[in-house]
Amino acid sequence: MELSWRRSSHSDNLGGNCVELAQLGEDVGIRDSKDPEGPKLALGPTAFRALLKYLKQQ
């Protein structure tokens, strides 16, 4: 199955520090845009919302 990875519209194409997200059923996949073949993380909806909340507070 081919995943459709997305990057924030605030990111540029210069290879900066970006993460990409993909929909994995109900879960969300996360990867480093500089290493697309590297490790990936899958978070369920509750964990993903908690991560976003935490990041917004930083």
PDB file of N, CA and C in Angstrom:
ATOM      1  N   MET A   1       0.838  -1.180   0.000  1.00  0.00           N
ATOM      2  CA  MET A   1       0.000   0.000   0.000  1.00  0.00           C
ATOM      3  C   MET A   1       0.888   1.250   0.000  1.00  0.00           C
ATOM      4  N   GLU A   2       0.674   2.122  -0.928  1.00  0.00           N
ATOM      5  CA  GLU A   2       1.414   3.374  -1.042  1.00  0.00           C
ATOM      6  C   GLU A   2       0.776   4.417  -0.125  1.00  0.00           C
ATOM      7  N   LEU A   3       1.581   4.985   0.760  1.00  0.00           N
ATOM      8  CA  LEU A   3       1.077   6.017   1.664  1.00  0.00           C
ATOM      9  C   LEU A   3       1.281   7.400   1.055  1.00  0.00           C
ATOM     10  N   SER A   4       0.380   8.286   1.362  1.00  0.00           N
ATOM     11  CA  SER A   4       0.483   9.670   0.912  1.00  0.00           C
ATOM     12  C   SER A   4       1.000  10.501   2.084  1.00  0.00           C
ATOM     13  N   TRP A   5       2.312  10.777   2.086  1.00  0.00           N
ATOM     14  CA  TRP A   5       2.926  11.554   3.158  1.00  0.00           C
ATOM     15  C   TRP A   5       2.742  13.038   2.879  1.00  0.00           C
ATOM     16  N   ARG A   6       2.422  13.801   3.918  1.00  0.00           N
ATOM     17  CA  ARG A   6       2.197  15.243   3.775  1.00  0.00           C
ATOM     18  C   ARG A   6       3.101  16.008   4.724  1.00  0.00           C
ATOM     19  N   ARG A   7       3.514  17.170   4.272  1.00  0.00           N
ATOM     20  CA  ARG A   7       4.374  18.059   5.042  1.00  0.00           C
ATOM     21  C   ARG A   7       3.603  19.357   5.269  1.00  0.00           C
ATOM     22  N   SER A   8       3.896  20.033   6.344  1.00  0.00           N
ATOM     23  CA  SER A   8       3.236  21.299   6.649  1.00  0.00           C
ATOM     24  C   SER A   8       3.438  22.307   5.529  1.00  0.00           C
ATOM     25  N   SER A   9       2.438  23.122   5.284  1.00  0.00           N
ATOM     26  CA  SER A   9       2.562  24.190   4.297  1.00  0.00           C
ATOM     27  C   SER A   9       3.552  25.256   4.767  1.00  0.00           C
ATOM     28  N   HIS A  10       3.927  25.236   6.042  1.00  0.00           N
ATOM     29  CA  HIS A  10       4.915  26.172   6.585  1.00  0.00           C
ATOM     30  C   HIS A  10       6.343  25.705   6.293  1.00  0.00           C
ATOM     31  N   SER A  11       6.494  24.475   5.809  1.00  0.00           N
ATOM     32  CA  SER A  11       7.812  23.944   5.484  1.00  0.00           C
ATOM     33  C   SER A  11       8.232  24.395   4.095  1.00  0.00           C
ATOM     34  N   ASP A  12       9.542  24.430   3.891  1.00  0.00           N
ATOM     35  CA  ASP A  12      10.032  24.730   2.551  1.00  0.00           C
ATOM     36  C   ASP A  12      10.645  23.461   1.957  1.00  0.00           C
ATOM     37  N   ASN A  13      11.146  23.536   0.764  1.00  0.00           N
ATOM     38  CA  ASN A  13      11.734  22.376   0.100  1.00  0.00           C
ATOM     39  C   ASN A  13      13.256  22.400   0.177  1.00  0.00           C
ATOM     40  N   LEU A  14      13.818  23.082   1.164  1.00  0.00           N
ATOM     41  CA  LEU A  14      15.260  23.203   1.280  1.00  0.00           C
ATOM     42  C   LEU A  14      15.860  22.133   2.186  1.00  0.00           C
ATOM     43  N   GLY A  15      15.075  21.151   2.602  1.00  0.00           N
ATOM     44  CA  GLY A  15      15.595  20.065   3.428  1.00  0.00           C
ATOM     45  C   GLY A  15      15.752  20.425   4.884  1.00  0.00           C
ATOM     46  N   GLY A  16      14.956  21.346   5.366  1.00  0.00           N
ATOM     47  CA  GLY A  16      15.024  21.753   6.765  1.00  0.00           C
ATOM     48  C   GLY A  16      14.499  20.677   7.700  1.00  0.00           C
ATOM     49  N   ASN A  17      14.319  21.054   8.929  1.00  0.00           N
ATOM     50  CA  ASN A  17      13.829  20.121   9.939  1.00  0.00           C
ATOM     51  C   ASN A  17      12.321  19.996   9.824  1.00  0.00           C
ATOM     52  N   CYS A  18      11.868  18.977   9.134  1.00  0.00           N
ATOM     53  CA  CYS A  18      10.440  18.791   8.912  1.00  0.00           C
ATOM     54  C   CYS A  18      10.030  17.366   9.256  1.00  0.00           C
ATOM     55  N   VAL A  19       8.802  17.237   9.663  1.00  0.00           N
ATOM     56  CA  VAL A  19       8.208  15.915   9.793  1.00  0.00           C
ATOM     57  C   VAL A  19       7.112  15.801   8.751  1.00  0.00           C
ATOM     58  N   GLU A  20       6.810  14.586   8.376  1.00  0.00           N
ATOM     59  CA  GLU A  20       5.728  14.323   7.440  1.00  0.00           C
ATOM     60  C   GLU A  20       4.738  13.394   8.123  1.00  0.00           C
ATOM     61  N   LEU A  21       3.474  13.546   7.759  1.00  0.00           N
ATOM     62  CA  LEU A  21       2.399  12.750   8.337  1.00  0.00           C
ATOM     63  C   LEU A  21       1.677  11.979   7.244  1.00  0.00           C
ATOM     64  N   ALA A  22       1.169  10.800   7.603  1.00  0.00           N
ATOM     65  CA  ALA A  22       0.359  10.006   6.686  1.00  0.00           C
ATOM     66  C   ALA A  22      -0.775   9.366   7.473  1.00  0.00           C
ATOM     67  N   GLN A  23      -1.920   9.240   6.853  1.00  0.00           N
ATOM     68  CA  GLN A  23      -3.074   8.587   7.475  1.00  0.00           C
ATOM     69  C   GLN A  23      -2.886   7.081   7.385  1.00  0.00           C
ATOM     70  N   LEU A  24      -2.974   6.387   8.522  1.00  0.00           N
ATOM     71  CA  LEU A  24      -2.854   4.926   8.595  1.00  0.00           C
ATOM     72  C   LEU A  24      -4.140   4.374   9.205  1.00  0.00           C
ATOM     73  N   GLY A  25      -5.203   4.359   8.440  1.00  0.00           N
ATOM     74  CA  GLY A  25      -6.490   3.989   9.015  1.00  0.00           C
ATOM     75  C   GLY A  25      -6.878   5.052  10.022  1.00  0.00           C
ATOM     76  N   GLU A  26      -7.080   4.652  11.280  1.00  0.00           N
ATOM     77  CA  GLU A  26      -7.380   5.629  12.333  1.00  0.00           C
ATOM     78  C   GLU A  26      -6.116   6.250  12.909  1.00  0.00           C
ATOM     79  N   ASP A  27      -4.964   5.618  12.693  1.00  0.00           N
ATOM     80  CA  ASP A  27      -3.701   6.101  13.244  1.00  0.00           C
ATOM     81  C   ASP A  27      -3.053   7.125  12.319  1.00  0.00           C
ATOM     82  N   VAL A  28      -2.026   7.784  12.848  1.00  0.00           N
ATOM     83  CA  VAL A  28      -1.265   8.765  12.079  1.00  0.00           C
ATOM     84  C   VAL A  28       0.190   8.317  12.056  1.00  0.00           C
ATOM     85  N   GLY A  29       0.771   8.239  10.857  1.00  0.00           N
ATOM     86  CA  GLY A  29       2.184   7.910  10.716  1.00  0.00           C
ATOM     87  C   GLY A  29       2.999   9.191  10.714  1.00  0.00           C
ATOM     88  N   ILE A  30       4.179   9.137  11.330  1.00  0.00           N
ATOM     89  CA  ILE A  30       5.069  10.295  11.416  1.00  0.00           C
ATOM     90  C   ILE A  30       6.462   9.834  10.991  1.00  0.00           C
ATOM     91  N   ARG A  31       7.140  10.652  10.149  1.00  0.00           N
ATOM     92  CA  ARG A  31       8.506  10.338   9.747  1.00  0.00           C
ATOM     93  C   ARG A  31       9.294  11.629   9.542  1.00  0.00           C
ATOM     94  N   ASP A  32      10.605  11.495   9.505  1.00  0.00           N
ATOM     95  CA  ASP A  32      11.520  12.604   9.256  1.00  0.00           C
ATOM     96  C   ASP A  32      11.617  12.815   7.751  1.00  0.00           C
ATOM     97  N   SER A  33      11.338  14.022   7.285  1.00  0.00           N
ATOM     98  CA  SER A  33      11.352  14.284   5.845  1.00  0.00           C
ATOM     99  C   SER A  33      12.741  14.139   5.241  1.00  0.00           C
ATOM    100  N   LYS A  34      13.796  14.289   6.053  1.00  0.00           N
ATOM    101  CA  LYS A  34      15.150  14.148   5.546  1.00  0.00           C
ATOM    102  C   LYS A  34      15.555  12.685   5.400  1.00  0.00           C
ATOM    103  N   ASP A  35      14.814  11.769   6.016  1.00  0.00           N
ATOM    104  CA  ASP A  35      15.141  10.339   5.994  1.00  0.00           C
ATOM    105  C   ASP A  35      13.862   9.531   5.770  1.00  0.00           C
ATOM    106  N   PRO A  36      13.245   9.657   4.584  1.00  0.00           N
ATOM    107  CA  PRO A  36      11.952   9.016   4.355  1.00  0.00           C
ATOM    108  C   PRO A  36      11.979   7.482   4.432  1.00  0.00           C
ATOM    109  N   GLU A  37      13.142   6.881   4.281  1.00  0.00           N
ATOM    110  CA  GLU A  37      13.240   5.422   4.397  1.00  0.00           C
ATOM    111  C   GLU A  37      13.611   4.989   5.811  1.00  0.00           C
ATOM    112  N   GLY A  38      13.839   5.957   6.685  1.00  0.00           N
ATOM    113  CA  GLY A  38      14.241   5.669   8.061  1.00  0.00           C
ATOM    114  C   GLY A  38      13.058   5.267   8.928  1.00  0.00           C
ATOM    115  N   PRO A  39      13.254   5.297  10.241  1.00  0.00           N
ATOM    116  CA  PRO A  39      12.200   4.883  11.172  1.00  0.00           C
ATOM    117  C   PRO A  39      10.949   5.743  11.060  1.00  0.00           C
ATOM    118  N   LYS A  40       9.841   5.114  11.358  1.00  0.00           N
ATOM    119  CA  LYS A  40       8.545   5.793  11.345  1.00  0.00           C
ATOM    120  C   LYS A  40       7.840   5.498  12.658  1.00  0.00           C
ATOM    121  N   LEU A  41       6.952   6.384  13.030  1.00  0.00           N
ATOM    122  CA  LEU A  41       6.192   6.255  14.259  1.00  0.00           C
ATOM    123  C   LEU A  41       4.716   6.253  13.909  1.00  0.00           C
ATOM    124  N   ALA A  42       3.950   5.404  14.543  1.00  0.00           N
ATOM    125  CA  ALA A  42       2.495   5.387  14.354  1.00  0.00           C
ATOM    126  C   ALA A  42       1.843   5.700  15.698  1.00  0.00           C
ATOM    127  N   LEU A  43       0.959   6.697  15.692  1.00  0.00           N
ATOM    128  CA  LEU A  43       0.237   7.082  16.901  1.00  0.00           C
ATOM    129  C   LEU A  43      -1.260   6.948  16.686  1.00  0.00           C
ATOM    130  N   GLY A  44      -1.937   6.467  17.702  1.00  0.00           N
ATOM    131  CA  GLY A  44      -3.388   6.434  17.667  1.00  0.00           C
ATOM    132  C   GLY A  44      -3.931   7.843  17.810  1.00  0.00           C
ATOM    133  N   PRO A  45      -5.236   8.023  17.573  1.00  0.00           N
ATOM    134  CA  PRO A  45      -5.828   9.363  17.614  1.00  0.00           C
ATOM    135  C   PRO A  45      -5.628  10.093  18.945  1.00  0.00           C
ATOM    136  N   THR A  46      -5.786   9.397  20.059  1.00  0.00           N
ATOM    137  CA  THR A  46      -5.637  10.037  21.371  1.00  0.00           C
ATOM    138  C   THR A  46      -4.204  10.475  21.603  1.00  0.00           C
ATOM    139  N   ALA A  47      -3.249   9.612  21.284  1.00  0.00           N
ATOM    140  CA  ALA A  47      -1.835   9.950  21.469  1.00  0.00           C
ATOM    141  C   ALA A  47      -1.423  11.086  20.538  1.00  0.00           C
ATOM    142  N   PHE A  48      -1.938  11.098  19.308  1.00  0.00           N
ATOM    143  CA  PHE A  48      -1.591  12.158  18.368  1.00  0.00           C
ATOM    144  C   PHE A  48      -2.130  13.499  18.854  1.00  0.00           C
ATOM    145  N   ARG A  49      -3.354  13.525  19.340  1.00  0.00           N
ATOM    146  CA  ARG A  49      -3.916  14.769  19.880  1.00  0.00           C
ATOM    147  C   ARG A  49      -3.105  15.257  21.081  1.00  0.00           C
ATOM    148  N   ALA A  50      -2.682  14.325  21.935  1.00  0.00           N
ATOM    149  CA  ALA A  50      -1.869  14.697  23.098  1.00  0.00           C
ATOM    150  C   ALA A  50      -0.526  15.267  22.651  1.00  0.00           C
ATOM    151  N   LEU A  51       0.087  14.694  21.620  1.00  0.00           N
ATOM    152  CA  LEU A  51       1.342  15.210  21.084  1.00  0.00           C
ATOM    153  C   LEU A  51       1.155  16.625  20.547  1.00  0.00           C
ATOM    154  N   LEU A  52       0.105  16.854  19.765  1.00  0.00           N
ATOM    155  CA  LEU A  52      -0.147  18.188  19.223  1.00  0.00           C
ATOM    156  C   LEU A  52      -0.357  19.204  20.349  1.00  0.00           C
ATOM    157  N   LYS A  53      -1.128  18.814  21.351  1.00  0.00           N
ATOM    158  CA  LYS A  53      -1.373  19.712  22.493  1.00  0.00           C
ATOM    159  C   LYS A  53      -0.067  20.074  23.173  1.00  0.00           C
ATOM    160  N   TYR A  54       0.786  19.081  23.399  1.00  0.00           N
ATOM    161  CA  TYR A  54       2.074  19.314  24.034  1.00  0.00           C
ATOM    162  C   TYR A  54       2.928  20.260  23.189  1.00  0.00           C
ATOM    163  N   LEU A  55       3.006  20.014  21.885  1.00  0.00           N
ATOM    164  CA  LEU A  55       3.844  20.830  21.005  1.00  0.00           C
ATOM    165  C   LEU A  55       3.352  22.274  20.939  1.00  0.00           C
ATOM    166  N   LYS A  56       2.053  22.464  20.968  1.00  0.00           N
ATOM    167  CA  LYS A  56       1.504  23.820  20.921  1.00  0.00           C
ATOM    168  C   LYS A  56       1.833  24.605  22.191  1.00  0.00           C
ATOM    169  N   GLN A  57       2.066  23.909  23.296  1.00  0.00           N
ATOM    170  CA  GLN A  57       2.379  24.571  24.560  1.00  0.00           C
ATOM    171  C   GLN A  57       3.858  24.959  24.656  1.00  0.00           C
ATOM    172  N   GLN A  58       4.679  24.451  23.758  1.00  0.00           N
ATOM    173  CA  GLN A  58       6.129  24.709  23.807  1.00  0.00           C
ATOM    174  C   GLN A  58       6.491  26.026  23.194  1.00  0.00           C
TER     175      GLN A  58
END
